[in-house]
Amino acid sequence: MAVQTFYHLHRMGFLDENTELLDKFLSGVRPRPDRAAEGIYVQSSAAPLLDVCGRRFHHKGMPAVPIVAIKMWPLGPRMQRYQEPMQKAQRQVQAILQS
């Protein structure tokens, strides 16, 4: 799932985990107030997804793996830092499907 979806899942308490990593993500990805007032989601800091991308979290035992938005694929030059986390996400999803 992409950053905005993962933000809302965590903010609304849908994730089983409640860790410092997720709290850091939540504070970095919250919408900028000026844009939120216009109904537009723009995260408040740069690259908050980088720390959680490709990791496995859960909602009532169901796995959730945050990834970059599909519109970012293939990864452009500015998104190369997500190459390894996205490979990790691929391995996580494959493991989930095989279990």
PDB file of N, CA and C in Angstrom:
ATOM      1  N   MET A   1       0.840  -1.181   0.000  1.00  0.00           N
ATOM      2  CA  MET A   1       0.000   0.000   0.000  1.00  0.00           C
ATOM      3  C   MET A   1       0.877   1.233   0.000  1.00  0.00           C
ATOM      4  N   ALA A   2       0.383   2.284  -0.534  1.00  0.00           N
ATOM      5  CA  ALA A   2       1.151   3.517  -0.663  1.00  0.00           C
ATOM      6  C   ALA A   2       1.115   4.336   0.625  1.00  0.00           C
ATOM      7  N   VAL A   3       1.910   5.383   0.648  1.00  0.00           N
ATOM      8  CA  VAL A   3       2.145   6.178   1.849  1.00  0.00           C
ATOM      9  C   VAL A   3       0.864   6.752   2.460  1.00  0.00           C
ATOM     10  N   GLN A   4      -0.008   7.320   1.657  1.00  0.00           N
ATOM     11  CA  GLN A   4      -1.212   7.947   2.212  1.00  0.00           C
ATOM     12  C   GLN A   4      -2.126   6.899   2.844  1.00  0.00           C
ATOM     13  N   THR A   5      -2.286   5.766   2.206  1.00  0.00           N
ATOM     14  CA  THR A   5      -3.109   4.685   2.757  1.00  0.00           C
ATOM     15  C   THR A   5      -2.521   4.180   4.066  1.00  0.00           C
ATOM     16  N   PHE A   6      -1.207   3.959   4.077  1.00  0.00           N
ATOM     17  CA  PHE A   6      -0.551   3.467   5.280  1.00  0.00           C
ATOM     18  C   PHE A   6      -0.655   4.484   6.414  1.00  0.00           C
ATOM     19  N   TYR A   7      -0.542   5.754   6.085  1.00  0.00           N
ATOM     20  CA  TYR A   7      -0.706   6.827   7.078  1.00  0.00           C
ATOM     21  C   TYR A   7      -2.072   6.723   7.752  1.00  0.00           C
ATOM     22  N   HIS A   8      -3.116   6.602   6.948  1.00  0.00           N
ATOM     23  CA  HIS A   8      -4.463   6.565   7.512  1.00  0.00           C
ATOM     24  C   HIS A   8      -4.705   5.279   8.318  1.00  0.00           C
ATOM     25  N   LEU A   9      -4.163   4.159   7.863  1.00  0.00           N
ATOM     26  CA  LEU A   9      -4.314   2.921   8.633  1.00  0.00           C
ATOM     27  C   LEU A   9      -3.694   3.061  10.019  1.00  0.00           C
ATOM     28  N   HIS A  10      -2.502   3.638  10.072  1.00  0.00           N
ATOM     29  CA  HIS A  10      -1.844   3.799  11.369  1.00  0.00           C
ATOM     30  C   HIS A  10      -2.559   4.852  12.220  1.00  0.00           C
ATOM     31  N   ARG A  11      -2.909   5.963  11.615  1.00  0.00           N
ATOM     32  CA  ARG A  11      -3.570   7.056  12.348  1.00  0.00           C
ATOM     33  C   ARG A  11      -4.891   6.598  12.969  1.00  0.00           C
ATOM     34  N   MET A  12      -5.602   5.740  12.269  1.00  0.00           N
ATOM     35  CA  MET A  12      -6.904   5.280  12.749  1.00  0.00           C
ATOM     36  C   MET A  12      -6.807   4.049  13.656  1.00  0.00           C
ATOM     37  N   GLY A  13      -5.587   3.590  13.938  1.00  0.00           N
ATOM     38  CA  GLY A  13      -5.403   2.483  14.858  1.00  0.00           C
ATOM     39  C   GLY A  13      -5.632   1.105  14.266  1.00  0.00           C
ATOM     40  N   PHE A  14      -5.510   0.974  12.958  1.00  0.00           N
ATOM     41  CA  PHE A  14      -5.746  -0.320  12.326  1.00  0.00           C
ATOM     42  C   PHE A  14      -4.541  -1.248  12.376  1.00  0.00           C
ATOM     43  N   LEU A  15      -3.364  -0.733  12.703  1.00  0.00           N
ATOM     44  CA  LEU A  15      -2.184  -1.588  12.759  1.00  0.00           C
ATOM     45  C   LEU A  15      -2.029  -2.163  14.155  1.00  0.00           C
ATOM     46  N   ASP A  16      -1.675  -3.442  14.219  1.00  0.00           N
ATOM     47  CA  ASP A  16      -1.464  -4.094  15.512  1.00  0.00           C
ATOM     48  C   ASP A  16      -0.250  -3.505  16.224  1.00  0.00           C
ATOM     49  N   GLU A  17       0.783  -3.184  15.462  1.00  0.00           N
ATOM     50  CA  GLU A  17       2.008  -2.652  16.032  1.00  0.00           C
ATOM     51  C   GLU A  17       1.837  -1.184  16.409  1.00  0.00           C
ATOM     52  N   ASN A  18       2.497  -0.806  17.476  1.00  0.00           N
ATOM     53  CA  ASN A  18       2.550   0.597  17.870  1.00  0.00           C
ATOM     54  C   ASN A  18       3.975   0.842  18.344  1.00  0.00           C
ATOM     55  N   THR A  19       4.839   1.186  17.410  1.00  0.00           N
ATOM     56  CA  THR A  19       6.264   1.297  17.701  1.00  0.00           C
ATOM     57  C   THR A  19       6.744   2.735  17.497  1.00  0.00           C
ATOM     58  N   GLU A  20       7.936   2.999  17.983  1.00  0.00           N
ATOM     59  CA  GLU A  20       8.556   4.313  17.784  1.00  0.00           C
ATOM     60  C   GLU A  20       8.756   4.586  16.291  1.00  0.00           C
ATOM     61  N   LEU A  21       9.099   3.540  15.536  1.00  0.00           N
ATOM     62  CA  LEU A  21       9.274   3.680  14.086  1.00  0.00           C
ATOM     63  C   LEU A  21       7.980   4.173  13.432  1.00  0.00           C
ATOM     64  N   LEU A  22       6.856   3.578  13.819  1.00  0.00           N
ATOM     65  CA  LEU A  22       5.576   3.998  13.246  1.00  0.00           C
ATOM     66  C   LEU A  22       5.167   5.383  13.724  1.00  0.00           C
ATOM     67  N   ASP A  23       5.463   5.718  14.960  1.00  0.00           N
ATOM     68  CA  ASP A  23       5.154   7.060  15.448  1.00  0.00           C
ATOM     69  C   ASP A  23       5.967   8.116  14.695  1.00  0.00           C
ATOM     70  N   LYS A  24       7.235   7.798  14.426  1.00  0.00           N
ATOM     71  CA  LYS A  24       8.089   8.705  13.652  1.00  0.00           C
ATOM     72  C   LYS A  24       7.525   8.868  12.237  1.00  0.00           C
ATOM     73  N   PHE A  25       7.101   7.752  11.641  1.00  0.00           N
ATOM     74  CA  PHE A  25       6.482   7.788  10.320  1.00  0.00           C
ATOM     75  C   PHE A  25       5.237   8.673  10.339  1.00  0.00           C
ATOM     76  N   LEU A  26       4.388   8.464  11.341  1.00  0.00           N
ATOM     77  CA  LEU A  26       3.130   9.208  11.438  1.00  0.00           C
ATOM     78  C   LEU A  26       3.372  10.711  11.536  1.00  0.00           C
ATOM     79  N   SER A  27       4.350  11.116  12.322  1.00  0.00           N
ATOM     80  CA  SER A  27       4.601  12.551  12.451  1.00  0.00           C
ATOM     81  C   SER A  27       5.209  13.135  11.178  1.00  0.00           C
ATOM     82  N   GLY A  28       5.981  12.345  10.438  1.00  0.00           N
ATOM     83  CA  GLY A  28       6.592  12.846   9.217  1.00  0.00           C
ATOM     84  C   GLY A  28       5.683  12.856   8.016  1.00  0.00           C
ATOM     85  N   VAL A  29       4.641  12.050   8.053  1.00  0.00           N
ATOM     86  CA  VAL A  29       3.786  11.906   6.883  1.00  0.00           C
ATOM     87  C   VAL A  29       2.452  12.640   7.019  1.00  0.00           C
ATOM     88  N   ARG A  30       2.203  13.202   8.200  1.00  0.00           N
ATOM     89  CA  ARG A  30       0.914  13.894   8.373  1.00  0.00           C
ATOM     90  C   ARG A  30       0.773  14.993   7.307  1.00  0.00           C
ATOM     91  N   PRO A  31      -0.428  15.248   6.878  1.00  0.00           N
ATOM     92  CA  PRO A  31      -0.630  16.257   5.833  1.00  0.00           C
ATOM     93  C   PRO A  31      -0.223  17.655   6.300  1.00  0.00           C
ATOM     94  N   ARG A  32       0.327  18.423   5.382  1.00  0.00           N
ATOM     95  CA  ARG A  32       0.635  19.809   5.698  1.00  0.00           C
ATOM     96  C   ARG A  32      -0.685  20.539   5.922  1.00  0.00           C
ATOM     97  N   PRO A  33      -0.819  21.257   7.039  1.00  0.00           N
ATOM     98  CA  PRO A  33      -2.103  21.889   7.386  1.00  0.00           C
ATOM     99  C   PRO A  33      -2.647  22.813   6.299  1.00  0.00           C
ATOM    100  N   ASP A  34      -1.784  23.594   5.664  1.00  0.00           N
ATOM    101  CA  ASP A  34      -2.259  24.521   4.639  1.00  0.00           C
ATOM    102  C   ASP A  34      -2.889  23.790   3.459  1.00  0.00           C
ATOM    103  N   ARG A  35      -2.315  22.651   3.077  1.00  0.00           N
ATOM    104  CA  ARG A  35      -2.863  21.888   1.952  1.00  0.00           C
ATOM    105  C   ARG A  35      -4.062  21.050   2.381  1.00  0.00           C
ATOM    106  N   ALA A  36      -4.019  20.537   3.618  1.00  0.00           N
ATOM    107  CA  ALA A  36      -5.140  19.734   4.120  1.00  0.00           C
ATOM    108  C   ALA A  36      -6.411  20.570   4.180  1.00  0.00           C
ATOM    109  N   ALA A  37      -6.268  21.852   4.501  1.00  0.00           N
ATOM    110  CA  ALA A  37      -7.432  22.744   4.542  1.00  0.00           C
ATOM    111  C   ALA A  37      -8.086  22.864   3.169  1.00  0.00           C
ATOM    112  N   GLU A  38      -7.287  22.644   2.129  1.00  0.00           N
ATOM    113  CA  GLU A  38      -7.804  22.677   0.758  1.00  0.00           C
ATOM    114  C   GLU A  38      -8.293  21.302   0.303  1.00  0.00           C
ATOM    115  N   GLY A  39      -8.167  20.290   1.182  1.00  0.00           N
ATOM    116  CA  GLY A  39      -8.574  18.938   0.831  1.00  0.00           C
ATOM    117  C   GLY A  39      -7.523  18.185   0.039  1.00  0.00           C
ATOM    118  N   ILE A  40      -6.285  18.658   0.082  1.00  0.00           N
ATOM    119  CA  ILE A  40      -5.197  18.057  -0.676  1.00  0.00           C
ATOM    120  C   ILE A  40      -4.205  17.439   0.297  1.00  0.00           C
ATOM    121  N   TYR A  41      -3.799  16.195   0.027  1.00  0.00           N
ATOM    122  CA  TYR A  41      -2.827  15.534   0.886  1.00  0.00           C
ATOM    123  C   TYR A  41      -1.422  15.806   0.357  1.00  0.00           C
ATOM    124  N   VAL A  42      -0.598  16.473   1.152  1.00  0.00           N
ATOM    125  CA  VAL A  42       0.820  16.675   0.867  1.00  0.00           C
ATOM    126  C   VAL A  42       1.548  16.411   2.180  1.00  0.00           C
ATOM    127  N   GLN A  43       2.436  15.415   2.180  1.00  0.00           N
ATOM    128  CA  GLN A  43       3.115  15.064   3.431  1.00  0.00           C
ATOM    129  C   GLN A  43       3.976  16.205   3.925  1.00  0.00           C
ATOM    130  N   SER A  44       4.177  16.238   5.241  1.00  0.00           N
ATOM    131  CA  SER A  44       4.843  17.370   5.865  1.00  0.00           C
ATOM    132  C   SER A  44       6.361  17.261   5.866  1.00  0.00           C
ATOM    133  N   SER A  45       6.922  16.101   5.567  1.00  0.00           N
ATOM    134  CA  SER A  45       8.376  15.992   5.493  1.00  0.00           C
ATOM    135  C   SER A  45       8.774  15.123   4.309  1.00  0.00           C
ATOM    136  N   ALA A  46      10.029  15.182   3.962  1.00  0.00           N
ATOM    137  CA  ALA A  46      10.522  14.438   2.801  1.00  0.00           C
ATOM    138  C   ALA A  46      10.831  12.993   3.182  1.00  0.00           C
ATOM    139  N   ALA A  47      10.404  12.075   2.358  1.00  0.00           N
ATOM    140  CA  ALA A  47      10.743  10.653   2.426  1.00  0.00           C
ATOM    141  C   ALA A  47      10.422   9.939   3.737  1.00  0.00           C
ATOM    142  N   PRO A  48       9.288  10.191   4.388  1.00  0.00           N
ATOM    143  CA  PRO A  48       8.975   9.457   5.618  1.00  0.00           C
ATOM    144  C   PRO A  48       8.715   7.974   5.368  1.00  0.00           C
ATOM    145  N   LEU A  49       8.333   7.626   4.156  1.00  0.00           N
ATOM    146  CA  LEU A  49       8.043   6.230   3.834  1.00  0.00           C
ATOM    147  C   LEU A  49       9.310   5.382   3.798  1.00  0.00           C
ATOM    148  N   LEU A  50      10.451   6.004   3.597  1.00  0.00           N
ATOM    149  CA  LEU A  50      11.698   5.265   3.423  1.00  0.00           C
ATOM    150  C   LEU A  50      11.971   4.296   4.571  1.00  0.00           C
ATOM    151  N   ASP A  51      11.688   4.685   5.795  1.00  0.00           N
ATOM    152  CA  ASP A  51      11.973   3.831   6.961  1.00  0.00           C
ATOM    153  C   ASP A  51      11.023   2.643   7.096  1.00  0.00           C
ATOM    154  N   VAL A  52       9.800   2.753   6.604  1.00  0.00           N
ATOM    155  CA  VAL A  52       8.833   1.666   6.767  1.00  0.00           C
ATOM    156  C   VAL A  52       8.586   0.877   5.484  1.00  0.00           C
ATOM    157  N   CYS A  53       9.007   1.422   4.348  1.00  0.00           N
ATOM    158  CA  CYS A  53       8.778   0.766   3.059  1.00  0.00           C
ATOM    159  C   CYS A  53       9.390  -0.630   3.050  1.00  0.00           C
ATOM    160  N   GLY A  54       8.591  -1.612   2.674  1.00  0.00           N
ATOM    161  CA  GLY A  54       9.070  -2.984   2.561  1.00  0.00           C
ATOM    162  C   GLY A  54       9.035  -3.794   3.842  1.00  0.00           C
ATOM    163  N   ARG A  55       8.669  -3.182   4.943  1.00  0.00           N
ATOM    164  CA  ARG A  55       8.561  -3.921   6.206  1.00  0.00           C
ATOM    165  C   ARG A  55       7.150  -4.488   6.337  1.00  0.00           C
ATOM    166  N   ARG A  56       7.028  -5.548   7.095  1.00  0.00           N
ATOM    167  CA  ARG A  56       5.717  -6.175   7.276  1.00  0.00           C
ATOM    168  C   ARG A  56       5.113  -5.729   8.594  1.00  0.00           C
ATOM    169  N   PHE A  57       3.908  -5.210   8.512  1.00  0.00           N
ATOM    170  CA  PHE A  57       3.120  -4.846   9.675  1.00  0.00           C
ATOM    171  C   PHE A  57       1.838  -5.672   9.611  1.00  0.00           C
ATOM    172  N   HIS A  58       0.957  -5.515  10.573  1.00  0.00           N
ATOM    173  CA  HIS A  58      -0.244  -6.352  10.605  1.00  0.00           C
ATOM    174  C   HIS A  58      -1.472  -5.573  11.060  1.00  0.00           C
ATOM    175  N   HIS A  59      -2.625  -6.029  10.591  1.00  0.00           N
ATOM    176  CA  HIS A  59      -3.931  -5.578  11.070  1.00  0.00           C
ATOM    177  C   HIS A  59      -4.715  -6.834  11.400  1.00  0.00           C
ATOM    178  N   LYS A  60      -4.920  -7.061  12.690  1.00  0.00           N
ATOM    179  CA  LYS A  60      -5.625  -8.260  13.155  1.00  0.00           C
ATOM    180  C   LYS A  60      -5.034  -9.521  12.524  1.00  0.00           C
ATOM    181  N   GLY A  61      -3.710  -9.546  12.468  1.00  0.00           N
ATOM    182  CA  GLY A  61      -3.010 -10.706  11.927  1.00  0.00           C
ATOM    183  C   GLY A  61      -2.810 -10.697  10.422  1.00  0.00           C
ATOM    184  N   MET A  62      -3.505  -9.821   9.708  1.00  0.00           N
ATOM    185  CA  MET A  62      -3.341  -9.734   8.244  1.00  0.00           C
ATOM    186  C   MET A  62      -2.134  -8.851   7.937  1.00  0.00           C
ATOM    187  N   PRO A  63      -1.236  -9.317   7.062  1.00  0.00           N
ATOM    188  CA  PRO A  63      -0.044  -8.529   6.762  1.00  0.00           C
ATOM    189  C   PRO A  63      -0.351  -7.278   5.940  1.00  0.00           C
ATOM    190  N   ALA A  64       0.425  -6.243   6.205  1.00  0.00           N
ATOM    191  CA  ALA A  64       0.358  -4.989   5.451  1.00  0.00           C
ATOM    192  C   ALA A  64       1.800  -4.561   5.178  1.00  0.00           C
ATOM    193  N   VAL A  65       2.130  -4.355   3.899  1.00  0.00           N
ATOM    194  CA  VAL A  65       3.484  -3.985   3.506  1.00  0.00           C
ATOM    195  C   VAL A  65       3.420  -2.651   2.753  1.00  0.00           C
ATOM    196  N   PRO A  66       3.911  -1.571   3.361  1.00  0.00           N
ATOM    197  CA  PRO A  66       3.894  -0.283   2.662  1.00  0.00           C
ATOM    198  C   PRO A  66       4.904  -0.253   1.510  1.00  0.00           C
ATOM    199  N   ILE A  67       4.494   0.341   0.396  1.00  0.00           N
ATOM    200  CA  ILE A  67       5.325   0.461  -0.801  1.00  0.00           C
ATOM    201  C   ILE A  67       5.174   1.867  -1.376  1.00  0.00           C
ATOM    202  N   VAL A  68       5.970   2.175  -2.377  1.00  0.00           N
ATOM    203  CA  VAL A  68       5.798   3.461  -3.064  1.00  0.00           C
ATOM    204  C   VAL A  68       4.558   3.365  -3.948  1.00  0.00           C
ATOM    205  N   ALA A  69       3.965   4.491  -4.242  1.00  0.00           N
ATOM    206  CA  ALA A  69       2.763   4.524  -5.073  1.00  0.00           C
ATOM    207  C   ALA A  69       3.078   4.003  -6.478  1.00  0.00           C
ATOM    208  N   ILE A  70       2.132   3.320  -7.068  1.00  0.00           N
ATOM    209  CA  ILE A  70       2.322   2.727  -8.389  1.00  0.00           C
ATOM    210  C   ILE A  70       2.669   3.778  -9.436  1.00  0.00           C
ATOM    211  N   LYS A  71       2.187   5.000  -9.251  1.00  0.00           N
ATOM    212  CA  LYS A  71       2.487   6.048 -10.222  1.00  0.00           C
ATOM    213  C   LYS A  71       3.968   6.421 -10.216  1.00  0.00           C
ATOM    214  N   MET A  72       4.713   5.994  -9.197  1.00  0.00           N
ATOM    215  CA  MET A  72       6.149   6.270  -9.107  1.00  0.00           C
ATOM    216  C   MET A  72       6.972   5.203  -9.827  1.00  0.00           C
ATOM    217  N   TRP A  73       6.294   4.169 -10.342  1.00  0.00           N
ATOM    218  CA  TRP A  73       6.999   3.056 -10.962  1.00  0.00           C
ATOM    219  C   TRP A  73       7.053   3.231 -12.454  1.00  0.00           C
ATOM    220  N   PRO A  74       8.128   2.939 -13.150  1.00  0.00           N
ATOM    221  CA  PRO A  74       9.405   2.531 -12.585  1.00  0.00           C
ATOM    222  C   PRO A  74      10.070   3.692 -11.844  1.00  0.00           C
ATOM    223  N   LEU A  75      10.900   3.342 -10.884  1.00  0.00           N
ATOM    224  CA  LEU A  75      11.542   4.353 -10.056  1.00  0.00           C
ATOM    225  C   LEU A  75      12.461   5.236 -10.892  1.00  0.00           C
ATOM    226  N   GLY A  76      12.227   6.532 -10.806  1.00  0.00           N
ATOM    227  CA  GLY A  76      13.058   7.494 -11.516  1.00  0.00           C
ATOM    228  C   GLY A  76      14.335   7.786 -10.743  1.00  0.00           C
ATOM    229  N   PRO A  77      15.179   8.635 -11.292  1.00  0.00           N
ATOM    230  CA  PRO A  77      16.460   8.955 -10.646  1.00  0.00           C
ATOM    231  C   PRO A  77      16.317   9.487  -9.223  1.00  0.00           C
ATOM    232  N   ARG A  78      15.287  10.275  -8.951  1.00  0.00           N
ATOM    233  CA  ARG A  78      15.097  10.839  -7.610  1.00  0.00           C
ATOM    234  C   ARG A  78      14.564   9.814  -6.615  1.00  0.00           C
ATOM    235  N   MET A  79      14.109   8.683  -7.100  1.00  0.00           N
ATOM    236  CA  MET A  79      13.502   7.663  -6.233  1.00  0.00           C
ATOM    237  C   MET A  79      14.396   6.434  -6.052  1.00  0.00           C
ATOM    238  N   GLN A  80      15.629   6.479  -6.498  1.00  0.00           N
ATOM    239  CA  GLN A  80      16.509   5.315  -6.427  1.00  0.00           C
ATOM    240  C   GLN A  80      16.752   4.836  -5.004  1.00  0.00           C
ATOM    241  N   ARG A  81      16.643   5.707  -4.039  1.00  0.00           N
ATOM    242  CA  ARG A  81      16.840   5.287  -2.638  1.00  0.00           C
ATOM    243  C   ARG A  81      15.771   4.296  -2.189  1.00  0.00           C
ATOM    244  N   TYR A  82      14.681   4.171  -2.961  1.00  0.00           N
ATOM    245  CA  TYR A  82      13.620   3.214  -2.650  1.00  0.00           C
ATOM    246  C   TYR A  82      13.839   1.855  -3.309  1.00  0.00           C
ATOM    247  N   GLN A  83      14.905   1.725  -4.090  1.00  0.00           N
ATOM    248  CA  GLN A  83      15.156   0.472  -4.794  1.00  0.00           C
ATOM    249  C   GLN A  83      15.268  -0.705  -3.823  1.00  0.00           C
ATOM    250  N   GLU A  84      16.122  -0.590  -2.822  1.00  0.00           N
ATOM    251  CA  GLU A  84      16.300  -1.677  -1.857  1.00  0.00           C
ATOM    252  C   GLU A  84      15.033  -1.927  -1.025  1.00  0.00           C
ATOM    253  N   PRO A  85      14.371  -0.875  -0.480  1.00  0.00           N
ATOM    254  CA  PRO A  85      13.123  -1.137   0.255  1.00  0.00           C
ATOM    255  C   PRO A  85      12.045  -1.803  -0.607  1.00  0.00           C
ATOM    256  N   MET A  86      11.985  -1.459  -1.883  1.00  0.00           N
ATOM    257  CA  MET A  86      10.986  -2.086  -2.754  1.00  0.00           C
ATOM    258  C   MET A  86      11.349  -3.537  -3.041  1.00  0.00           C
ATOM    259  N   GLN A  87      12.627  -3.856  -3.111  1.00  0.00           N
ATOM    260  CA  GLN A  87      13.033  -5.255  -3.259  1.00  0.00           C
ATOM    261  C   GLN A  87      12.665  -6.024  -1.994  1.00  0.00           C
ATOM    262  N   LYS A  88      12.845  -5.383  -0.852  1.00  0.00           N
ATOM    263  CA  LYS A  88      12.444  -5.988   0.422  1.00  0.00           C
ATOM    264  C   LYS A  88      10.932  -6.216   0.440  1.00  0.00           C
ATOM    265  N   ALA A  89      10.167  -5.255  -0.064  1.00  0.00           N
ATOM    266  CA  ALA A  89       8.707  -5.397  -0.138  1.00  0.00           C
ATOM    267  C   ALA A  89       8.330  -6.576  -1.022  1.00  0.00           C
ATOM    268  N   GLN A  90       9.032  -6.721  -2.132  1.00  0.00           N
ATOM    269  CA  GLN A  90       8.753  -7.840  -3.028  1.00  0.00           C
ATOM    270  C   GLN A  90       8.978  -9.170  -2.316  1.00  0.00           C
ATOM    271  N   ARG A  91      10.071  -9.264  -1.577  1.00  0.00           N
ATOM    272  CA  ARG A  91      10.347 -10.501  -0.835  1.00  0.00           C
ATOM    273  C   ARG A  91       9.279 -10.743   0.236  1.00  0.00           C
ATOM    274  N   GLN A  92       8.841  -9.676   0.905  1.00  0.00           N
ATOM    275  CA  GLN A  92       7.800  -9.811   1.933  1.00  0.00           C
ATOM    276  C   GLN A  92       6.495 -10.336   1.316  1.00  0.00           C
ATOM    277  N   VAL A  93       6.103  -9.741   0.209  1.00  0.00           N
ATOM    278  CA  VAL A  93       4.840 -10.141  -0.442  1.00  0.00           C
ATOM    279  C   VAL A  93       4.938 -11.578  -0.948  1.00  0.00           C
ATOM    280  N   GLN A  94       6.077 -11.952  -1.528  1.00  0.00           N
ATOM    281  CA  GLN A  94       6.256 -13.328  -1.981  1.00  0.00           C
ATOM    282  C   GLN A  94       6.153 -14.302  -0.803  1.00  0.00           C
ATOM    283  N   ALA A  95       6.757 -13.969   0.316  1.00  0.00           N
ATOM    284  CA  ALA A  95       6.686 -14.817   1.500  1.00  0.00           C
ATOM    285  C   ALA A  95       5.248 -14.935   2.012  1.00  0.00           C
ATOM    286  N   ILE A  96       4.520 -13.839   1.967  1.00  0.00           N
ATOM    287  CA  ILE A  96       3.108 -13.846   2.410  1.00  0.00           C
ATOM    288  C   ILE A  96       2.295 -14.768   1.496  1.00  0.00           C
ATOM    289  N   LEU A  97       2.519 -14.661   0.201  1.00  0.00           N
ATOM    290  CA  LEU A  97       1.765 -15.470  -0.754  1.00  0.00           C
ATOM    291  C   LEU A  97       2.098 -16.954  -0.655  1.00  0.00           C
ATOM    292  N   GLN A  98       3.316 -17.269  -0.242  1.00  0.00           N
ATOM    293  CA  GLN A  98       3.743 -18.671  -0.130  1.00  0.00           C
ATOM    294  C   GLN A  98       3.336 -19.291   1.203  1.00  0.00           C
ATOM    295  N   SER A  99       2.934 -18.469   2.157  1.00  0.00           N
ATOM    296  CA  SER A  99       2.591 -19.031   3.475  1.00  0.00           C
ATOM    297  C   SER A  99       1.159 -19.485   3.529  1.00  0.00           C
TER     298      SER A  99
END
